[in-house]
Amino acid sequence: MRYPIKQFAVLELTKVDTLARISLQIWKMSTDLYGFPVTLSELQQAECQQCDLISMTQQPVWMEYIEKDRLPTSDSKIKEMIRKGIPPTCRTWVWMQTSGAERKKAAVAKNYYNVMASAGEKSPYLSDIEEDSKHTFPSHPWIASEDGQAALKRVLTAYSIHNDKVGYCRAMNVIVGILLVAMNRNEENSFWLLAAMVEDTLYPGTYSRNLQGCQIEMQALSELVSQKLPRLHAHLEQTFCDISIIATDWYLCLFSTSLPSETTSRVWDALFNEGPKILYRVALALLKLEEETLLKFDNAGDIVMHMRNFSGSMHNRDKLMNVAFDGIGGLPMATIDKFREMRAKEFAAGRSEGGSAAEAESGIAGLSLNAGGAGEKVKSGFGRFMNGLDKWANKTADSMAKAAEKVGIKDN
């Protein structure tokens, strides 16, 4: 259920040919299912309500299995049900079952999480976790509260002790933030779901110190974009917009900072069941949905800013997932693994040709170690991205100033 706060009117600037027109739209501020503040247009409100209605029709189907405490025996049946969306009321049980988190939890002592959480105060990552927790969804009233901050810190420090090979990586904080609100603030379930994600779902090394796994995923995604969206791939190359500039946070944060929380949860429904190919499907779906618009931009800055704004307003979760499942064609895991293996070998060759430990420790800057000059493309593309940001900001400021002048608003 959504809780309206207030309505307000805004001036929306829209380009029509070479002219700018000002249209008055009514927007509504509210909170979404998980308590995040959202601002929705009338169309977005209607889309969200439609998604809610469709989701609720699936609840009786799931309750039959929840009452028996077992999933359907057919994998294809599970996939079909999950791709239609899991009702939020059923999400805790389904995520714990499909992800393998329940098996992990059952394999250790009942007080295992409490022991890890108690030991968390000795985590070598404690100061980083405390600092990052302060900046985790500061607009969410519970996550930003004392209780929310304490819960976030306990889960993250507990996991850093549980899996000392991974420890803690920035991005886990926002993932745990979504897990906690989706799991009704249940820390233990959130802990085991994080473990299932990092250890069983994502590509190995995604959260390694040099983010090697994420780098390989970015290169594999680039290959798939060249196959599935060849015009867009050529345009990104032409504008020096490396796909990593757009998609790194999609893969590190699992869309939790890019998509609205309810859409993120819809992605995770399938991610826990089908694995990392869902990240590829959703990434390709976002790009496909905006392909024609992206082809009109002449610099990386405009491309990145547009995708950031577009994904942040993707409240129609059914539309996104329909494109992800039905709009990009077949995407067998074998194809993804082939590209991963190829890029992993290139990465290893690049490391053996002189990549330094200091570069590896610099996080995403480790992209400079990629073979074939990909790192130089990233650097060059990032420079053009920043130039594009300046152009975008200047154009926006000029347009808004002219619009304000037309309606009699003075710059104070």
Protein backbone atom coordinates (compact mmCIF):
# COMPACT_ATOMS: atom_id res chain seq x y z
CA MET A 1 0.00 0.00 0.00
CA ARG A 2 1.18 3.49 -0.79
CA TYR A 3 0.75 6.39 1.57
CA PRO A 4 0.34 9.78 -0.17
CA ILE A 5 2.02 12.71 1.53
CA LYS A 6 1.15 15.63 -0.70
CA GLN A 7 0.54 16.67 -4.26
CA PHE A 8 2.39 19.44 -6.03
CA ALA A 9 2.79 20.87 -9.50
CA VAL A 10 6.11 21.16 -11.30
CA LEU A 11 7.29 22.73 -14.52
CA GLU A 12 8.48 20.03 -16.86
CA LEU A 13 10.76 21.00 -19.74
CA THR A 14 10.31 18.88 -22.84
CA LYS A 15 12.12 19.22 -26.17
CA VAL A 16 9.82 19.16 -29.18
CA ASP A 17 11.92 19.49 -32.33
CA THR A 18 13.99 22.60 -31.58
CA LEU A 19 11.43 24.28 -29.33
CA ALA A 20 11.06 24.01 -25.59
CA ARG A 21 7.58 23.77 -24.16
CA ILE A 22 6.52 23.98 -20.56
CA SER A 23 3.86 21.60 -19.34
CA LEU A 24 2.22 21.49 -15.94
CA GLN A 25 2.11 18.02 -14.37
CA ILE A 26 0.73 16.85 -11.07
CA TRP A 27 3.12 14.69 -9.08
CA LYS A 28 2.51 12.95 -5.78
CA MET A 29 5.02 12.33 -3.02
CA SER A 30 4.51 9.07 -1.19
CA THR A 31 6.34 6.12 0.29
CA ASP A 32 6.69 2.82 -1.49
CA LEU A 33 6.04 -0.63 -0.07
CA TYR A 34 9.39 -0.69 1.74
CA GLY A 35 9.20 2.81 3.18
CA PHE A 36 11.36 4.66 0.64
CA PRO A 37 10.11 8.12 -0.34
CA VAL A 38 9.10 8.30 -4.00
CA THR A 39 7.71 10.99 -6.25
CA LEU A 40 5.31 9.65 -8.87
CA SER A 41 3.51 11.17 -11.81
CA GLU A 42 -0.12 10.23 -12.37
CA LEU A 43 0.95 7.71 -15.02
CA GLN A 44 3.54 6.14 -12.70
CA GLN A 45 0.95 5.89 -9.92
CA ALA A 46 -1.36 3.99 -12.25
CA GLU A 47 1.46 1.71 -13.39
CA CYS A 48 2.43 0.90 -9.80
CA GLN A 49 -1.14 0.11 -8.86
CA GLN A 50 -1.44 -2.20 -11.86
CA CYS A 51 1.76 -4.01 -10.86
CA ASP A 52 0.44 -4.34 -7.30
CA LEU A 53 -2.81 -5.89 -8.51
CA ILE A 54 -1.02 -8.40 -10.73
CA SER A 55 1.31 -9.32 -7.87
CA MET A 56 -1.56 -9.97 -5.48
CA THR A 57 -3.23 -12.37 -7.92
CA GLN A 58 -0.19 -14.63 -7.46
CA GLN A 59 -0.54 -14.87 -3.67
CA PRO A 60 -2.98 -17.83 -3.55
CA VAL A 61 -0.71 -19.78 -5.91
CA TRP A 62 2.28 -19.32 -3.59
CA MET A 63 0.38 -19.92 -0.35
CA GLU A 64 -0.31 -23.50 -1.37
CA TYR A 65 3.43 -24.23 -1.32
CA ILE A 66 4.23 -22.07 1.70
CA GLU A 67 1.67 -23.98 3.78
CA LYS A 68 3.36 -27.25 2.78
CA ASP A 69 6.79 -25.64 3.34
CA ARG A 70 8.18 -26.88 0.06
CA LEU A 71 8.75 -25.51 -3.42
CA PRO A 72 7.21 -27.02 -6.56
CA THR A 73 9.18 -30.09 -7.66
CA SER A 74 9.51 -28.79 -11.22
CA ASP A 75 12.24 -26.20 -11.85
CA SER A 76 10.34 -24.90 -14.87
CA LYS A 77 7.25 -24.41 -12.70
CA ILE A 78 9.25 -22.44 -10.13
CA LYS A 79 10.78 -20.29 -12.86
CA GLU A 80 7.37 -19.62 -14.41
CA MET A 81 5.86 -18.60 -11.07
CA ILE A 82 8.77 -16.39 -10.06
CA ARG A 83 8.94 -14.64 -13.42
CA LYS A 84 5.36 -13.52 -12.85
CA GLY A 85 6.52 -11.85 -9.64
CA ILE A 86 6.49 -12.92 -6.01
CA PRO A 87 3.89 -11.19 -3.81
CA PRO A 88 5.72 -9.20 -1.10
CA THR A 89 3.89 -11.15 1.61
CA CYS A 90 5.49 -14.36 0.31
CA ARG A 91 8.94 -12.97 -0.46
CA THR A 92 10.69 -13.91 2.80
CA TRP A 93 9.89 -17.61 2.46
CA VAL A 94 10.52 -17.80 -1.29
CA TRP A 95 13.87 -15.95 -1.18
CA MET A 96 15.14 -18.12 1.66
CA GLN A 97 14.17 -21.27 -0.22
CA THR A 98 15.25 -20.45 -3.79
CA SER A 99 18.54 -18.77 -2.85
CA GLY A 100 19.77 -21.65 -0.70
CA ALA A 101 19.93 -19.34 2.32
CA GLU A 102 17.66 -21.64 4.32
CA ARG A 103 20.00 -24.59 3.70
CA LYS A 104 23.00 -22.53 4.80
CA LYS A 105 21.16 -21.48 7.94
CA ALA A 106 20.13 -25.06 8.77
CA ALA A 107 23.67 -26.38 8.32
CA VAL A 108 25.08 -24.50 11.34
CA ALA A 109 24.20 -24.05 15.00
CA LYS A 110 21.01 -22.14 15.75
CA ASN A 111 22.91 -19.34 17.45
CA TYR A 112 25.47 -18.99 14.64
CA TYR A 113 24.35 -15.53 13.53
CA ASN A 114 24.32 -14.21 17.10
CA VAL A 115 27.86 -15.50 17.62
CA MET A 116 29.05 -13.81 14.41
CA ALA A 117 27.26 -10.59 15.30
CA SER A 118 28.86 -10.55 18.75
CA ALA A 119 32.29 -11.08 17.17
CA GLY A 120 31.57 -8.29 14.69
CA GLU A 121 32.92 -5.64 17.05
CA LYS A 122 36.37 -7.10 16.32
CA SER A 123 35.95 -6.89 12.56
CA PRO A 124 38.88 -5.24 10.76
CA TYR A 125 36.27 -3.53 8.59
CA LEU A 126 34.35 -2.03 11.50
CA SER A 127 35.28 1.61 10.86
CA ASP A 128 34.52 1.33 7.12
CA ILE A 129 31.17 -0.29 7.85
CA GLU A 130 30.24 2.36 10.42
CA GLU A 131 31.13 5.15 8.00
CA ASP A 132 29.30 3.60 5.04
CA SER A 133 26.24 2.83 7.14
CA LYS A 134 25.76 6.56 7.77
CA HIS A 135 25.35 7.10 4.04
CA THR A 136 23.13 4.08 3.34
CA PHE A 137 19.71 5.29 2.13
CA PRO A 138 19.67 8.37 4.39
CA SER A 139 16.16 9.26 3.18
CA HIS A 140 14.70 6.00 4.53
CA PRO A 141 13.34 6.75 8.03
CA TRP A 142 14.12 3.35 9.57
CA ILE A 143 17.48 2.65 7.90
CA ALA A 144 18.65 6.12 8.91
CA SER A 145 17.39 5.64 12.49
CA GLU A 146 19.49 4.42 15.39
CA ASP A 147 17.87 0.98 15.25
CA GLY A 148 18.31 0.71 11.51
CA GLN A 149 21.94 1.75 11.65
CA ALA A 150 22.62 -0.78 14.41
CA ALA A 151 20.97 -3.60 12.45
CA LEU A 152 22.88 -2.70 9.29
CA LYS A 153 26.16 -2.65 11.17
CA ARG A 154 25.51 -5.98 12.89
CA VAL A 155 24.70 -7.83 9.66
CA LEU A 156 27.69 -6.39 7.79
CA THR A 157 30.24 -6.94 10.56
CA ALA A 158 28.87 -10.44 11.21
CA TYR A 159 29.34 -11.32 7.56
CA SER A 160 32.86 -9.90 7.49
CA ILE A 161 33.75 -12.32 10.30
CA HIS A 162 31.83 -15.22 8.74
CA ASN A 163 33.58 -14.85 5.36
CA ASP A 164 36.99 -13.36 6.02
CA LYS A 165 38.10 -14.08 2.44
CA VAL A 166 35.66 -11.46 1.22
CA GLY A 167 35.26 -9.43 4.38
CA TYR A 168 33.43 -6.26 3.44
CA CYS A 169 33.11 -4.31 0.21
CA ARG A 170 31.31 -1.03 -0.25
CA ALA A 171 28.07 -1.93 -2.07
CA MET A 172 27.21 -4.63 0.47
CA ASN A 173 25.79 -1.91 2.70
CA VAL A 174 23.05 -0.93 0.23
CA ILE A 175 22.29 -4.57 -0.55
CA VAL A 176 21.80 -5.32 3.14
CA GLY A 177 19.69 -2.17 3.48
CA ILE A 178 17.20 -3.53 0.93
CA LEU A 179 17.36 -7.02 2.42
CA LEU A 180 16.51 -5.75 5.89
CA VAL A 181 13.40 -3.85 4.81
CA ALA A 182 12.28 -6.65 2.46
CA MET A 183 12.76 -9.20 5.27
CA ASN A 184 10.74 -7.14 7.76
CA ARG A 185 13.99 -6.18 9.55
CA ASN A 186 14.95 -9.79 10.23
CA GLU A 187 18.73 -9.59 10.61
CA GLU A 188 19.41 -13.33 10.56
CA ASN A 189 17.56 -13.89 7.30
CA SER A 190 19.28 -10.87 5.77
CA PHE A 191 22.66 -12.26 6.86
CA TRP A 192 22.04 -15.63 5.19
CA LEU A 193 20.63 -14.06 2.04
CA LEU A 194 23.78 -11.93 1.76
CA ALA A 195 25.85 -15.08 2.20
CA ALA A 196 23.86 -16.84 -0.53
CA MET A 197 24.32 -13.89 -2.87
CA VAL A 198 28.06 -13.49 -2.40
CA GLU A 199 29.01 -17.15 -2.11
CA ASP A 200 26.56 -18.95 -4.40
CA THR A 201 24.90 -16.50 -6.78
CA LEU A 202 27.36 -13.88 -8.02
CA TYR A 203 30.44 -14.42 -10.16
CA PRO A 204 33.48 -15.27 -7.97
CA GLY A 205 35.62 -12.24 -7.26
CA THR A 206 32.80 -9.72 -7.70
CA TYR A 207 33.73 -8.26 -4.31
CA SER A 208 37.43 -9.04 -4.38
CA ARG A 209 39.81 -6.24 -3.49
CA ASN A 210 40.48 -5.34 -7.14
CA LEU A 211 36.88 -6.12 -8.18
CA GLN A 212 38.24 -8.57 -10.74
CA GLY A 213 34.96 -10.46 -10.97
CA CYS A 214 33.01 -7.26 -11.63
CA GLN A 215 35.49 -6.20 -14.30
CA ILE A 216 35.06 -9.53 -16.07
CA GLU A 217 31.27 -9.16 -15.87
CA MET A 218 31.54 -5.71 -17.49
CA GLN A 219 33.55 -7.10 -20.38
CA ALA A 220 31.11 -9.99 -20.85
CA LEU A 221 28.21 -7.52 -20.82
CA SER A 222 29.95 -5.47 -23.51
CA GLU A 223 30.18 -8.59 -25.68
CA LEU A 224 26.48 -9.29 -25.19
CA VAL A 225 25.53 -5.69 -26.02
CA SER A 226 27.49 -6.05 -29.27
CA GLN A 227 25.41 -9.16 -30.05
CA LYS A 228 21.98 -8.10 -28.84
CA LEU A 229 22.13 -4.34 -29.47
CA PRO A 230 24.76 -3.84 -32.21
CA ARG A 231 23.74 -0.26 -33.11
CA LEU A 232 23.96 0.84 -29.51
CA HIS A 233 27.28 -0.94 -29.01
CA ALA A 234 28.75 0.87 -32.02
CA HIS A 235 27.41 4.19 -30.72
CA LEU A 236 28.91 3.62 -27.25
CA GLU A 237 32.25 2.89 -28.90
CA GLN A 238 31.97 6.03 -31.01
CA THR A 239 31.22 8.22 -27.98
CA PHE A 240 33.91 6.51 -25.87
CA CYS A 241 31.28 5.45 -23.37
CA ASP A 242 32.59 2.20 -21.90
CA ILE A 243 29.75 0.05 -20.61
CA SER A 244 31.44 -0.10 -17.19
CA ILE A 245 30.68 3.60 -16.65
CA ILE A 246 26.97 2.81 -17.00
CA ALA A 247 26.69 -0.64 -15.46
CA THR A 248 29.32 -1.13 -12.73
CA ASP A 249 26.95 -0.10 -9.95
CA TRP A 250 24.22 -2.29 -11.51
CA TYR A 251 26.38 -5.34 -10.88
CA LEU A 252 28.08 -4.31 -7.63
CA CYS A 253 24.92 -3.02 -5.94
CA LEU A 254 22.62 -5.46 -7.76
CA PHE A 255 20.50 -2.52 -8.98
CA SER A 256 19.66 -1.49 -5.39
CA THR A 257 20.87 2.09 -5.92
CA SER A 258 19.75 2.31 -9.56
CA LEU A 259 16.16 1.06 -9.56
CA PRO A 260 13.29 1.86 -7.16
CA SER A 261 13.20 -0.59 -4.28
CA GLU A 262 10.08 -2.44 -5.45
CA THR A 263 11.62 -2.92 -8.91
CA THR A 264 14.89 -4.04 -7.32
CA SER A 265 13.00 -6.66 -5.32
CA ARG A 266 11.32 -7.89 -8.49
CA VAL A 267 14.78 -8.33 -10.07
CA TRP A 268 16.01 -10.18 -6.97
CA ASP A 269 13.01 -12.54 -7.15
CA ALA A 270 14.50 -13.97 -10.33
CA LEU A 271 18.15 -13.44 -9.34
CA PHE A 272 17.88 -15.74 -6.32
CA ASN A 273 16.33 -18.46 -8.48
CA GLU A 274 18.08 -18.18 -11.84
CA GLY A 275 21.43 -16.70 -10.87
CA PRO A 276 23.57 -13.93 -12.37
CA LYS A 277 22.20 -14.19 -15.90
CA ILE A 278 19.30 -12.12 -14.54
CA LEU A 279 21.71 -9.21 -14.06
CA TYR A 280 22.55 -9.47 -17.77
CA ARG A 281 18.92 -9.72 -18.78
CA VAL A 282 17.92 -6.66 -16.77
CA ALA A 283 20.96 -4.65 -17.93
CA LEU A 284 20.16 -5.44 -21.57
CA ALA A 285 16.47 -4.68 -20.99
CA LEU A 286 17.24 -1.21 -19.59
CA LEU A 287 19.51 -0.46 -22.54
CA LYS A 288 17.02 -1.82 -25.06
CA LEU A 289 14.15 0.22 -23.64
CA GLU A 290 16.13 3.44 -24.14
CA GLU A 291 18.21 2.47 -27.16
CA GLU A 292 16.62 4.94 -29.58
CA THR A 293 17.06 7.82 -27.14
CA LEU A 294 20.67 6.90 -26.33
CA LEU A 295 21.54 6.87 -30.04
CA LYS A 296 20.73 10.60 -30.18
CA PHE A 297 23.32 11.61 -27.58
CA ASP A 298 26.78 12.61 -28.77
CA ASN A 299 28.75 12.25 -25.54
CA ALA A 300 29.18 9.83 -22.65
CA GLY A 301 28.01 12.31 -20.04
CA ASP A 302 24.53 12.64 -21.53
CA ILE A 303 24.29 8.87 -22.01
CA VAL A 304 25.19 8.09 -18.40
CA MET A 305 22.99 10.79 -16.91
CA HIS A 306 20.03 9.70 -19.02
CA MET A 307 20.38 6.06 -18.01
CA ARG A 308 20.73 7.05 -14.38
CA ASN A 309 17.53 9.12 -14.50
CA PHE A 310 15.67 6.52 -16.54
CA SER A 311 16.52 3.57 -14.32
CA GLY A 312 15.75 5.59 -11.18
CA SER A 313 12.22 6.21 -12.43
CA MET A 314 11.54 2.62 -13.60
CA HIS A 315 8.57 2.03 -11.31
CA ASN A 316 6.82 -0.18 -13.87
CA ARG A 317 8.59 -3.32 -12.75
CA ASP A 318 6.42 -5.62 -14.86
CA LYS A 319 7.34 -3.76 -18.04
CA LEU A 320 11.05 -4.00 -17.28
CA MET A 321 10.94 -7.71 -16.47
CA ASN A 322 8.78 -8.52 -19.48
CA VAL A 323 11.45 -7.01 -21.72
CA ALA A 324 14.18 -8.79 -19.76
CA PHE A 325 12.51 -12.19 -20.20
CA ASP A 326 10.86 -11.85 -23.60
CA GLY A 327 12.43 -8.90 -25.36
CA ILE A 328 16.10 -9.78 -25.78
CA GLY A 329 15.97 -13.36 -27.03
CA GLY A 330 17.76 -16.40 -25.68
CA LEU A 331 20.52 -15.94 -23.15
CA PRO A 332 21.88 -19.32 -22.04
CA MET A 333 24.34 -19.33 -19.17
CA ALA A 334 26.81 -21.17 -21.42
CA THR A 335 27.08 -18.07 -23.62
CA ILE A 336 27.77 -15.84 -20.64
CA ASP A 337 30.33 -18.29 -19.26
CA LYS A 338 32.11 -18.38 -22.64
CA PHE A 339 32.58 -14.60 -22.58
CA ARG A 340 33.56 -14.70 -18.91
CA GLU A 341 36.22 -17.32 -19.55
CA MET A 342 37.62 -15.37 -22.49
CA ARG A 343 37.79 -12.13 -20.51
CA ALA A 344 39.20 -13.87 -17.43
CA LYS A 345 42.10 -15.15 -19.56
CA GLU A 346 42.69 -11.67 -20.97
CA PHE A 347 42.60 -10.22 -17.47
CA ALA A 348 45.13 -12.78 -16.25
CA ALA A 349 47.37 -12.01 -19.26
CA GLY A 350 47.15 -8.31 -18.49
CA ARG A 351 48.12 -8.92 -14.87
CA SER A 352 51.11 -11.03 -15.90
CA GLU A 353 52.31 -8.27 -18.22
CA GLY A 354 53.01 -5.83 -15.43
CA GLY A 355 49.88 -4.95 -13.48
CA SER A 356 50.96 -3.68 -10.07
CA ALA A 357 49.54 -4.58 -6.69
CA ALA A 358 48.87 -0.90 -6.05
CA GLU A 359 46.65 -0.75 -9.13
CA ALA A 360 44.84 -3.88 -8.02
CA GLU A 361 44.13 -2.34 -4.63
CA SER A 362 42.64 0.79 -6.10
CA GLY A 363 39.23 -0.79 -6.64
CA ILE A 364 37.53 0.04 -9.88
CA ALA A 365 40.67 1.79 -11.08
CA GLY A 366 41.88 -1.75 -11.62
CA LEU A 367 40.06 -1.58 -14.94
CA SER A 368 43.31 -0.22 -16.33
CA LEU A 369 44.64 -3.79 -16.11
CA ASN A 370 42.26 -5.12 -18.72
CA ALA A 371 43.78 -6.43 -21.92
CA GLY A 372 43.28 -4.81 -25.31
CA GLY A 373 43.42 -1.20 -24.11
CA ALA A 374 40.05 -1.36 -22.37
CA GLY A 375 41.42 0.58 -19.43
CA GLU A 376 42.49 3.43 -21.68
CA LYS A 377 38.99 3.47 -23.15
CA VAL A 378 37.56 3.82 -19.65
CA LYS A 379 39.89 6.71 -18.84
CA SER A 380 39.16 8.43 -22.13
CA GLY A 381 35.46 7.77 -21.80
CA PHE A 382 35.41 9.09 -18.25
CA GLY A 383 37.02 12.32 -19.41
CA ARG A 384 34.34 12.73 -22.04
CA PHE A 385 31.75 11.78 -19.45
CA MET A 386 32.84 14.67 -17.22
CA ASN A 387 32.82 17.06 -20.18
CA GLY A 388 29.35 15.80 -21.01
CA LEU A 389 28.21 16.48 -17.45
CA ASP A 390 29.37 20.08 -17.75
CA LYS A 391 27.53 20.49 -21.06
CA TRP A 392 24.42 18.85 -19.63
CA ALA A 393 24.45 21.06 -16.52
CA ASN A 394 24.95 24.23 -18.55
CA LYS A 395 22.20 23.34 -21.03
CA THR A 396 19.81 22.49 -18.20
CA ALA A 397 20.55 25.70 -16.32
CA ASP A 398 20.06 27.83 -19.45
CA SER A 399 16.81 26.07 -20.35
CA MET A 400 15.37 26.37 -16.85
CA ALA A 401 16.35 30.06 -16.65
CA LYS A 402 14.55 30.79 -19.92
CA ALA A 403 11.53 28.80 -18.80
CA ALA A 404 11.38 30.60 -15.49
CA GLU A 405 11.66 33.96 -17.22
CA LYS A 406 8.69 33.12 -19.45
CA VAL A 407 6.42 32.42 -16.49
CA GLY A 408 7.61 35.42 -14.53
CA ILE A 409 9.91 33.70 -12.01
CA LYS A 410 12.93 35.80 -11.16
CA ASP A 411 16.27 34.46 -10.11
CA ASN A 412 16.75 35.53 -6.51
